[in-house]
């Protein structure tokens, strides 16, 4: 499909890139996997046994995890480079 000045297949590449970005974001949100650590990966404090039992694969203590959750997460959003609406604004 031709898209003006874009080469053939450019639209499909943009769609594929958007899908791949969203899949990577979703995989990153997946919970921890594997064996739980006994000590926090950031501050080296001991992780309580109840936390390790409740969340398999946990690597951070409660305080470090809360600090990480409080950070703003940058999200790429949708790939609108090829959208006519974005070109008109």
PDB file of N, CA and C in Angstrom:
ATOM      1  N   UNK A   1       0.843  -1.180   0.000  1.00  0.00           N
ATOM      2  CA  UNK A   1       0.000   0.000   0.000  1.00  0.00           C
ATOM      3  C   UNK A   1       0.885   1.239   0.000  1.00  0.00           C
ATOM      4  N   UNK A   2       0.673   2.115  -0.933  1.00  0.00           N
ATOM      5  CA  UNK A   2       1.449   3.345  -1.022  1.00  0.00           C
ATOM      6  C   UNK A   2       0.904   4.362  -0.033  1.00  0.00           C
ATOM      7  N   UNK A   3       1.773   5.162   0.556  1.00  0.00           N
ATOM      8  CA  UNK A   3       1.342   6.144   1.546  1.00  0.00           C
ATOM      9  C   UNK A   3       1.961   7.499   1.279  1.00  0.00           C
ATOM     10  N   UNK A   4       1.726   8.065   0.101  1.00  0.00           N
ATOM     11  CA  UNK A   4       2.307   9.365  -0.214  1.00  0.00           C
ATOM     12  C   UNK A   4       3.792   9.225  -0.472  1.00  0.00           C
ATOM     13  N   UNK A   5       4.603   9.898   0.345  1.00  0.00           N
ATOM     14  CA  UNK A   5       6.045   9.870   0.176  1.00  0.00           C
ATOM     15  C   UNK A   5       6.702   8.697   0.909  1.00  0.00           C
ATOM     16  N   UNK A   6       5.917   7.998   1.689  1.00  0.00           N
ATOM     17  CA  UNK A   6       6.471   6.861   2.441  1.00  0.00           C
ATOM     18  C   UNK A   6       6.726   5.691   1.508  1.00  0.00           C
ATOM     19  N   UNK A   7       7.750   4.916   1.818  1.00  0.00           N
ATOM     20  CA  UNK A   7       8.052   3.744   0.996  1.00  0.00           C
ATOM     21  C   UNK A   7       7.013   2.657   1.264  1.00  0.00           C
ATOM     22  N   UNK A   8       6.939   1.702   0.390  1.00  0.00           N
ATOM     23  CA  UNK A   8       6.012   0.590   0.555  1.00  0.00           C
ATOM     24  C   UNK A   8       6.340  -0.173   1.838  1.00  0.00           C
ATOM     25  N   UNK A   9       5.317  -0.501   2.591  1.00  0.00           N
ATOM     26  CA  UNK A   9       5.492  -1.253   3.821  1.00  0.00           C
ATOM     27  C   UNK A   9       5.747  -0.400   5.049  1.00  0.00           C
ATOM     28  N   UNK A  10       5.844   0.933   4.890  1.00  0.00           N
ATOM     29  CA  UNK A  10       6.140   1.804   6.027  1.00  0.00           C
ATOM     30  C   UNK A  10       5.012   1.786   7.053  1.00  0.00           C
ATOM     31  N   UNK A  11       3.783   1.740   6.593  1.00  0.00           N
ATOM     32  CA  UNK A  11       2.633   1.726   7.510  1.00  0.00           C
ATOM     33  C   UNK A  11       2.634   0.448   8.322  1.00  0.00           C
ATOM     34  N   UNK A  12       2.883  -0.670   7.661  1.00  0.00           N
ATOM     35  CA  UNK A  12       2.929  -1.948   8.370  1.00  0.00           C
ATOM     36  C   UNK A  12       4.060  -1.969   9.393  1.00  0.00           C
ATOM     37  N   UNK A  13       5.194  -1.368   9.052  1.00  0.00           N
ATOM     38  CA  UNK A  13       6.318  -1.300   9.985  1.00  0.00           C
ATOM     39  C   UNK A  13       5.954  -0.465  11.212  1.00  0.00           C
ATOM     40  N   UNK A  14       5.229   0.627  11.017  1.00  0.00           N
ATOM     41  CA  UNK A  14       4.814   1.468  12.133  1.00  0.00           C
ATOM     42  C   UNK A  14       3.837   0.724  13.036  1.00  0.00           C
ATOM     43  N   UNK A  15       2.914  -0.002  12.441  1.00  0.00           N
ATOM     44  CA  UNK A  15       1.958  -0.788  13.226  1.00  0.00           C
ATOM     45  C   UNK A  15       2.694  -1.862  14.010  1.00  0.00           C
ATOM     46  N   UNK A  16       3.605  -2.551  13.364  1.00  0.00           N
ATOM     47  CA  UNK A  16       4.390  -3.596  14.022  1.00  0.00           C
ATOM     48  C   UNK A  16       5.218  -3.020  15.166  1.00  0.00           C
ATOM     49  N   UNK A  17       5.807  -1.843  14.964  1.00  0.00           N
ATOM     50  CA  UNK A  17       6.605  -1.203  16.016  1.00  0.00           C
ATOM     51  C   UNK A  17       5.726  -0.841  17.212  1.00  0.00           C
ATOM     52  N   UNK A  18       4.516  -0.359  16.958  1.00  0.00           N
ATOM     53  CA  UNK A  18       3.595  -0.022  18.045  1.00  0.00           C
ATOM     54  C   UNK A  18       3.213  -1.259  18.840  1.00  0.00           C
ATOM     55  N   UNK A  19       2.941  -2.342  18.146  1.00  0.00           N
ATOM     56  CA  UNK A  19       2.569  -3.595  18.807  1.00  0.00           C
ATOM     57  C   UNK A  19       3.732  -4.110  19.647  1.00  0.00           C
ATOM     58  N   UNK A  20       4.937  -4.095  19.094  1.00  0.00           N
ATOM     59  CA  UNK A  20       6.118  -4.568  19.828  1.00  0.00           C
ATOM     60  C   UNK A  20       6.392  -3.722  21.063  1.00  0.00           C
ATOM     61  N   UNK A  21       6.224  -2.387  20.954  1.00  0.00           N
ATOM     62  CA  UNK A  21       6.426  -1.509  22.107  1.00  0.00           C
ATOM     63  C   UNK A  21       5.438  -1.835  23.220  1.00  0.00           C
ATOM     64  N   UNK A  22       4.185  -2.052  22.855  1.00  0.00           N
ATOM     65  CA  UNK A  22       3.161  -2.360  23.858  1.00  0.00           C
ATOM     66  C   UNK A  22       3.411  -3.727  24.489  1.00  0.00           C
ATOM     67  N   UNK A  23       3.831  -4.702  23.704  1.00  0.00           N
ATOM     68  CA  UNK A  23       4.146  -6.019  24.259  1.00  0.00           C
ATOM     69  C   UNK A  23       5.307  -5.942  25.252  1.00  0.00           C
ATOM     70  N   UNK A  24       6.335  -5.176  24.927  1.00  0.00           N
ATOM     71  CA  UNK A  24       7.464  -5.008  25.837  1.00  0.00           C
ATOM     72  C   UNK A  24       7.018  -4.345  27.130  1.00  0.00           C
ATOM     73  N   UNK A  25       6.142  -3.342  27.018  1.00  0.00           N
ATOM     74  CA  UNK A  25       5.636  -2.656  28.210  1.00  0.00           C
ATOM     75  C   UNK A  25       4.835  -3.604  29.089  1.00  0.00           C
ATOM     76  N   UNK A  26       4.002  -4.434  28.475  1.00  0.00           N
ATOM     77  CA  UNK A  26       3.183  -5.379  29.229  1.00  0.00           C
ATOM     78  C   UNK A  26       4.057  -6.450  29.884  1.00  0.00           C
ATOM     79  N   UNK A  27       5.086  -6.916  29.202  1.00  0.00           N
ATOM     80  CA  UNK A  27       5.973  -7.922  29.774  1.00  0.00           C
ATOM     81  C   UNK A  27       6.753  -7.343  30.946  1.00  0.00           C
ATOM     82  N   UNK A  28       7.103  -6.072  30.877  1.00  0.00           N
ATOM     83  CA  UNK A  28       7.822  -5.431  31.972  1.00  0.00           C
ATOM     84  C   UNK A  28       6.943  -5.284  33.207  1.00  0.00           C
ATOM     85  N   UNK A  29       5.647  -5.162  33.020  1.00  0.00           N
ATOM     86  CA  UNK A  29       4.719  -5.022  34.143  1.00  0.00           C
ATOM     87  C   UNK A  29       4.433  -6.343  34.829  1.00  0.00           C
ATOM     88  N   UNK A  30       4.762  -7.431  34.158  1.00  0.00           N
ATOM     89  CA  UNK A  30       4.531  -8.735  34.742  1.00  0.00           C
ATOM     90  C   UNK A  30       5.265  -8.832  36.071  1.00  0.00           C
ATOM     91  N   UNK A  31       4.699  -9.533  37.005  1.00  0.00           N
ATOM     92  CA  UNK A  31       5.294  -9.644  38.327  1.00  0.00           C
ATOM     93  C   UNK A  31       6.612 -10.390  38.297  1.00  0.00           C
ATOM     94  N   UNK A  32       7.309 -10.353  39.418  1.00  0.00           N
ATOM     95  CA  UNK A  32       8.582 -11.048  39.492  1.00  0.00           C
ATOM     96  C   UNK A  32       8.409 -12.552  39.327  1.00  0.00           C
ATOM     97  N   UNK A  33       9.409 -13.194  38.784  1.00  0.00           N
ATOM     98  CA  UNK A  33       9.379 -14.644  38.598  1.00  0.00           C
ATOM     99  C   UNK A  33      10.643 -15.241  39.187  1.00  0.00           C
ATOM    100  N   UNK A  34      10.604 -16.531  39.457  1.00  0.00           N
ATOM    101  CA  UNK A  34      11.771 -17.211  39.991  1.00  0.00           C
ATOM    102  C   UNK A  34      11.754 -17.260  41.501  1.00  0.00           C
ATOM    103  N   UNK A  35      12.913 -17.493  42.064  1.00  0.00           N
ATOM    104  CA  UNK A  35      13.047 -17.609  43.510  1.00  0.00           C
ATOM    105  C   UNK A  35      13.174 -16.228  44.149  1.00  0.00           C
ATOM    106  N   UNK A  36      12.523 -16.040  45.282  1.00  0.00           N
ATOM    107  CA  UNK A  36      12.604 -14.770  46.006  1.00  0.00           C
ATOM    108  C   UNK A  36      13.996 -14.582  46.602  1.00  0.00           C
ATOM    109  N   UNK A  37      14.428 -13.353  46.622  1.00  0.00           N
ATOM    110  CA  UNK A  37      15.706 -13.021  47.248  1.00  0.00           C
ATOM    111  C   UNK A  37      15.496 -12.887  48.754  1.00  0.00           C
ATOM    112  N   UNK A  38      16.508 -13.193  49.520  1.00  0.00           N
ATOM    113  CA  UNK A  38      16.407 -13.046  50.974  1.00  0.00           C
ATOM    114  C   UNK A  38      16.745 -11.627  51.404  1.00  0.00           C
ATOM    115  N   UNK A  39      17.514 -10.903  50.580  1.00  0.00           N
ATOM    116  CA  UNK A  39      17.889  -9.523  50.881  1.00  0.00           C
ATOM    117  C   UNK A  39      17.560  -8.637  49.684  1.00  0.00           C
ATOM    118  N   UNK A  40      17.193  -7.399  49.970  1.00  0.00           N
ATOM    119  CA  UNK A  40      16.793  -6.431  48.944  1.00  0.00           C
ATOM    120  C   UNK A  40      17.938  -6.173  47.968  1.00  0.00           C
ATOM    121  N   UNK A  41      17.599  -6.098  46.682  1.00  0.00           N
ATOM    122  CA  UNK A  41      18.597  -5.869  45.633  1.00  0.00           C
ATOM    123  C   UNK A  41      19.118  -4.435  45.653  1.00  0.00           C
ATOM    124  N   UNK A  42      18.377  -3.495  46.273  1.00  0.00           N
ATOM    125  CA  UNK A  42      18.807  -2.100  46.282  1.00  0.00           C
ATOM    126  C   UNK A  42      19.492  -1.695  47.585  1.00  0.00           C
ATOM    127  N   UNK A  43      18.880  -2.030  48.726  1.00  0.00           N
ATOM    128  CA  UNK A  43      19.433  -1.552  50.000  1.00  0.00           C
ATOM    129  C   UNK A  43      20.061  -2.660  50.843  1.00  0.00           C
ATOM    130  N   UNK A  44      19.960  -3.891  50.417  1.00  0.00           N
ATOM    131  CA  UNK A  44      20.541  -5.054  51.083  1.00  0.00           C
ATOM    132  C   UNK A  44      19.922  -5.366  52.449  1.00  0.00           C
ATOM    133  N   UNK A  45      18.743  -4.800  52.733  1.00  0.00           N
ATOM    134  CA  UNK A  45      18.009  -5.152  53.953  1.00  0.00           C
ATOM    135  C   UNK A  45      17.349  -6.506  53.747  1.00  0.00           C
ATOM    136  N   UNK A  46      17.102  -7.210  54.837  1.00  0.00           N
ATOM    137  CA  UNK A  46      16.457  -8.510  54.736  1.00  0.00           C
ATOM    138  C   UNK A  46      14.986  -8.345  54.335  1.00  0.00           C
ATOM    139  N   UNK A  47      14.531  -9.174  53.419  1.00  0.00           N
ATOM    140  CA  UNK A  47      13.127  -9.166  52.989  1.00  0.00           C
ATOM    141  C   UNK A  47      12.373 -10.116  53.914  1.00  0.00           C
ATOM    142  N   UNK A  48      11.287  -9.642  54.566  1.00  0.00           N
ATOM    143  CA  UNK A  48      10.558 -10.495  55.505  1.00  0.00           C
ATOM    144  C   UNK A  48      10.027 -11.763  54.835  1.00  0.00           C
ATOM    145  N   UNK A  49      10.002 -12.845  55.602  1.00  0.00           N
ATOM    146  CA  UNK A  49       9.547 -14.140  55.099  1.00  0.00           C
ATOM    147  C   UNK A  49       8.115 -14.069  54.566  1.00  0.00           C
ATOM    148  N   UNK A  50       7.247 -13.302  55.242  1.00  0.00           N
ATOM    149  CA  UNK A  50       5.850 -13.190  54.797  1.00  0.00           C
ATOM    150  C   UNK A  50       5.771 -12.549  53.410  1.00  0.00           C
ATOM    151  N   UNK A  51       6.614 -11.546  53.141  1.00  0.00           N
ATOM    152  CA  UNK A  51       6.624 -10.906  51.812  1.00  0.00           C
ATOM    153  C   UNK A  51       7.117 -11.882  50.760  1.00  0.00           C
ATOM    154  N   UNK A  52       8.163 -12.643  51.091  1.00  0.00           N
ATOM    155  CA  UNK A  52       8.693 -13.625  50.141  1.00  0.00           C
ATOM    156  C   UNK A  52       7.670 -14.708  49.832  1.00  0.00           C
ATOM    157  N   UNK A  53       6.872 -15.081  50.829  1.00  0.00           N
ATOM    158  CA  UNK A  53       5.839 -16.101  50.609  1.00  0.00           C
ATOM    159  C   UNK A  53       4.667 -15.543  49.807  1.00  0.00           C
ATOM    160  N   UNK A  54       4.341 -14.285  50.048  1.00  0.00           N
ATOM    161  CA  UNK A  54       3.182 -13.674  49.383  1.00  0.00           C
ATOM    162  C   UNK A  54       3.457 -13.349  47.918  1.00  0.00           C
ATOM    163  N   UNK A  55       4.699 -12.958  47.608  1.00  0.00           N
ATOM    164  CA  UNK A  55       5.059 -12.553  46.244  1.00  0.00           C
ATOM    165  C   UNK A  55       6.252 -13.394  45.792  1.00  0.00           C
ATOM    166  N   UNK A  56       6.013 -14.507  45.115  1.00  0.00           N
ATOM    167  CA  UNK A  56       7.130 -15.332  44.640  1.00  0.00           C
ATOM    168  C   UNK A  56       8.018 -14.541  43.668  1.00  0.00           C
ATOM    169  N   UNK A  57       9.301 -14.626  43.863  1.00  0.00           N
ATOM    170  CA  UNK A  57      10.243 -13.946  42.975  1.00  0.00           C
ATOM    171  C   UNK A  57      10.546 -12.517  43.361  1.00  0.00           C
ATOM    172  N   UNK A  58      10.116 -12.084  44.542  1.00  0.00           N
ATOM    173  CA  UNK A  58      10.322 -10.696  44.962  1.00  0.00           C
ATOM    174  C   UNK A  58      11.813 -10.432  45.157  1.00  0.00           C
ATOM    175  N   UNK A  59      12.265  -9.255  44.726  1.00  0.00           N
ATOM    176  CA  UNK A  59      13.682  -8.889  44.816  1.00  0.00           C
ATOM    177  C   UNK A  59      13.913  -7.631  45.653  1.00  0.00           C
ATOM    178  N   UNK A  60      12.837  -6.894  45.984  1.00  0.00           N
ATOM    179  CA  UNK A  60      12.963  -5.632  46.702  1.00  0.00           C
ATOM    180  C   UNK A  60      12.183  -5.665  48.013  1.00  0.00           C
ATOM    181  N   UNK A  61      12.680  -4.919  49.014  1.00  0.00           N
ATOM    182  CA  UNK A  61      11.936  -4.773  50.263  1.00  0.00           C
ATOM    183  C   UNK A  61      10.756  -3.827  50.008  1.00  0.00           C
ATOM    184  N   UNK A  62       9.882  -3.701  50.983  1.00  0.00           N
ATOM    185  CA  UNK A  62       8.673  -2.888  50.828  1.00  0.00           C
ATOM    186  C   UNK A  62       9.028  -1.429  50.550  1.00  0.00           C
ATOM    187  N   UNK A  63       9.969  -0.864  51.307  1.00  0.00           N
ATOM    188  CA  UNK A  63      10.321   0.549  51.141  1.00  0.00           C
ATOM    189  C   UNK A  63      10.898   0.838  49.753  1.00  0.00           C
ATOM    190  N   UNK A  64      11.801  -0.006  49.291  1.00  0.00           N
ATOM    191  CA  UNK A  64      12.390   0.205  47.952  1.00  0.00           C
ATOM    192  C   UNK A  64      11.344   0.027  46.855  1.00  0.00           C
ATOM    193  N   UNK A  65      10.450  -0.931  47.031  1.00  0.00           N
ATOM    194  CA  UNK A  65       9.394  -1.143  46.039  1.00  0.00           C
ATOM    195  C   UNK A  65       8.449   0.050  46.001  1.00  0.00           C
ATOM    196  N   UNK A  66       8.112   0.606  47.170  1.00  0.00           N
ATOM    197  CA  UNK A  66       7.242   1.790  47.201  1.00  0.00           C
ATOM    198  C   UNK A  66       7.921   2.973  46.518  1.00  0.00           C
ATOM    199  N   UNK A  67       9.216   3.121  46.739  1.00  0.00           N
ATOM    200  CA  UNK A  67       9.953   4.196  46.071  1.00  0.00           C
ATOM    201  C   UNK A  67       9.954   4.026  44.565  1.00  0.00           C
ATOM    202  N   UNK A  68      10.105   2.806  44.111  1.00  0.00           N
ATOM    203  CA  UNK A  68      10.087   2.530  42.670  1.00  0.00           C
ATOM    204  C   UNK A  68       8.696   2.765  42.082  1.00  0.00           C
ATOM    205  N   UNK A  69       7.667   2.368  42.820  1.00  0.00           N
ATOM    206  CA  UNK A  69       6.295   2.556  42.336  1.00  0.00           C
ATOM    207  C   UNK A  69       5.914   4.030  42.274  1.00  0.00           C
ATOM    208  N   UNK A  70       6.522   4.851  43.134  1.00  0.00           N
ATOM    209  CA  UNK A  70       6.195   6.278  43.172  1.00  0.00           C
ATOM    210  C   UNK A  70       6.817   7.045  42.004  1.00  0.00           C
ATOM    211  N   UNK A  71       7.863   6.490  41.395  1.00  0.00           N
ATOM    212  CA  UNK A  71       8.506   7.169  40.251  1.00  0.00           C
ATOM    213  C   UNK A  71       7.550   7.207  39.066  1.00  0.00           C
ATOM    214  N   UNK A  72       7.521   8.332  38.360  1.00  0.00           N
ATOM    215  CA  UNK A  72       6.675   8.373  37.158  1.00  0.00           C
ATOM    216  C   UNK A  72       7.243   7.460  36.078  1.00  0.00           C
ATOM    217  N   UNK A  73       6.366   6.754  35.395  1.00  0.00           N
ATOM    218  CA  UNK A  73       6.808   5.857  34.329  1.00  0.00           C
ATOM    219  C   UNK A  73       6.531   6.512  32.986  1.00  0.00           C
ATOM    220  N   UNK A  74       7.574   6.586  32.195  1.00  0.00           N
ATOM    221  CA  UNK A  74       7.430   7.159  30.861  1.00  0.00           C
ATOM    222  C   UNK A  74       6.854   6.097  29.938  1.00  0.00           C
ATOM    223  N   UNK A  75       5.847   6.466  29.197  1.00  0.00           N
ATOM    224  CA  UNK A  75       5.214   5.534  28.276  1.00  0.00           C
ATOM    225  C   UNK A  75       5.208   6.147  26.897  1.00  0.00           C
ATOM    226  N   UNK A  76       5.590   5.353  25.934  1.00  0.00           N
ATOM    227  CA  UNK A  76       5.676   5.832  24.567  1.00  0.00           C
ATOM    228  C   UNK A  76       4.333   6.180  23.962  1.00  0.00           C
ATOM    229  N   UNK A  77       3.295   5.483  24.357  1.00  0.00           N
ATOM    230  CA  UNK A  77       1.981   5.739  23.798  1.00  0.00           C
ATOM    231  C   UNK A  77       1.847   5.137  22.414  1.00  0.00           C
ATOM    232  N   UNK A  78       0.970   5.696  21.654  1.00  0.00           N
ATOM    233  CA  UNK A  78       0.702   5.168  20.327  1.00  0.00           C
ATOM    234  C   UNK A  78       1.638   5.800  19.311  1.00  0.00           C
ATOM    235  N   UNK A  79       1.971   5.043  18.302  1.00  0.00           N
ATOM    236  CA  UNK A  79       2.812   5.531  17.225  1.00  0.00           C
ATOM    237  C   UNK A  79       1.914   6.279  16.252  1.00  0.00           C
ATOM    238  N   UNK A  80       1.950   7.601  16.300  1.00  0.00           N
ATOM    239  CA  UNK A  80       1.075   8.405  15.453  1.00  0.00           C
ATOM    240  C   UNK A  80       1.839   9.136  14.351  1.00  0.00           C
ATOM    241  N   UNK A  81       3.057   8.707  14.104  1.00  0.00           N
ATOM    242  CA  UNK A  81       3.851   9.398  13.093  1.00  0.00           C
ATOM    243  C   UNK A  81       3.205   9.360  11.717  1.00  0.00           C
ATOM    244  N   UNK A  82       2.479   8.288  11.424  1.00  0.00           N
ATOM    245  CA  UNK A  82       1.874   8.161  10.122  1.00  0.00           C
ATOM    246  C   UNK A  82       0.427   8.626  10.063  1.00  0.00           C
ATOM    247  N   UNK A  83      -0.095   9.126  11.176  1.00  0.00           N
ATOM    248  CA  UNK A  83      -1.496   9.536  11.243  1.00  0.00           C
ATOM    249  C   UNK A  83      -1.706  10.891  10.577  1.00  0.00           C
ATOM    250  N   UNK A  84      -2.724  10.983   9.748  1.00  0.00           N
ATOM    251  CA  UNK A  84      -3.019  12.258   9.105  1.00  0.00           C
ATOM    252  C   UNK A  84      -3.487  13.286  10.136  1.00  0.00           C
ATOM    253  N   UNK A  85      -4.190  12.809  11.184  1.00  0.00           N
ATOM    254  CA  UNK A  85      -4.648  13.729  12.224  1.00  0.00           C
ATOM    255  C   UNK A  85      -3.460  14.421  12.883  1.00  0.00           C
ATOM    256  N   UNK A  86      -2.390  13.676  13.163  1.00  0.00           N
ATOM    257  CA  UNK A  86      -1.231  14.279  13.828  1.00  0.00           C
ATOM    258  C   UNK A  86      -0.509  15.255  12.890  1.00  0.00           C
ATOM    259  N   UNK A  87      -0.620  15.056  11.594  1.00  0.00           N
ATOM    260  CA  UNK A  87       0.038  15.942  10.638  1.00  0.00           C
ATOM    261  C   UNK A  87      -0.737  17.248  10.467  1.00  0.00           C
ATOM    262  N   UNK A  88      -2.041  17.206  10.741  1.00  0.00           N
ATOM    263  CA  UNK A  88      -2.881  18.385  10.554  1.00  0.00           C
ATOM    264  C   UNK A  88      -2.838  19.311  11.762  1.00  0.00           C
ATOM    265  N   UNK A  89      -2.402  18.836  12.898  1.00  0.00           N
ATOM    266  CA  UNK A  89      -2.421  19.658  14.120  1.00  0.00           C
ATOM    267  C   UNK A  89      -1.209  20.511  14.235  1.00  0.00           C
TER     268      UNK A  89
END
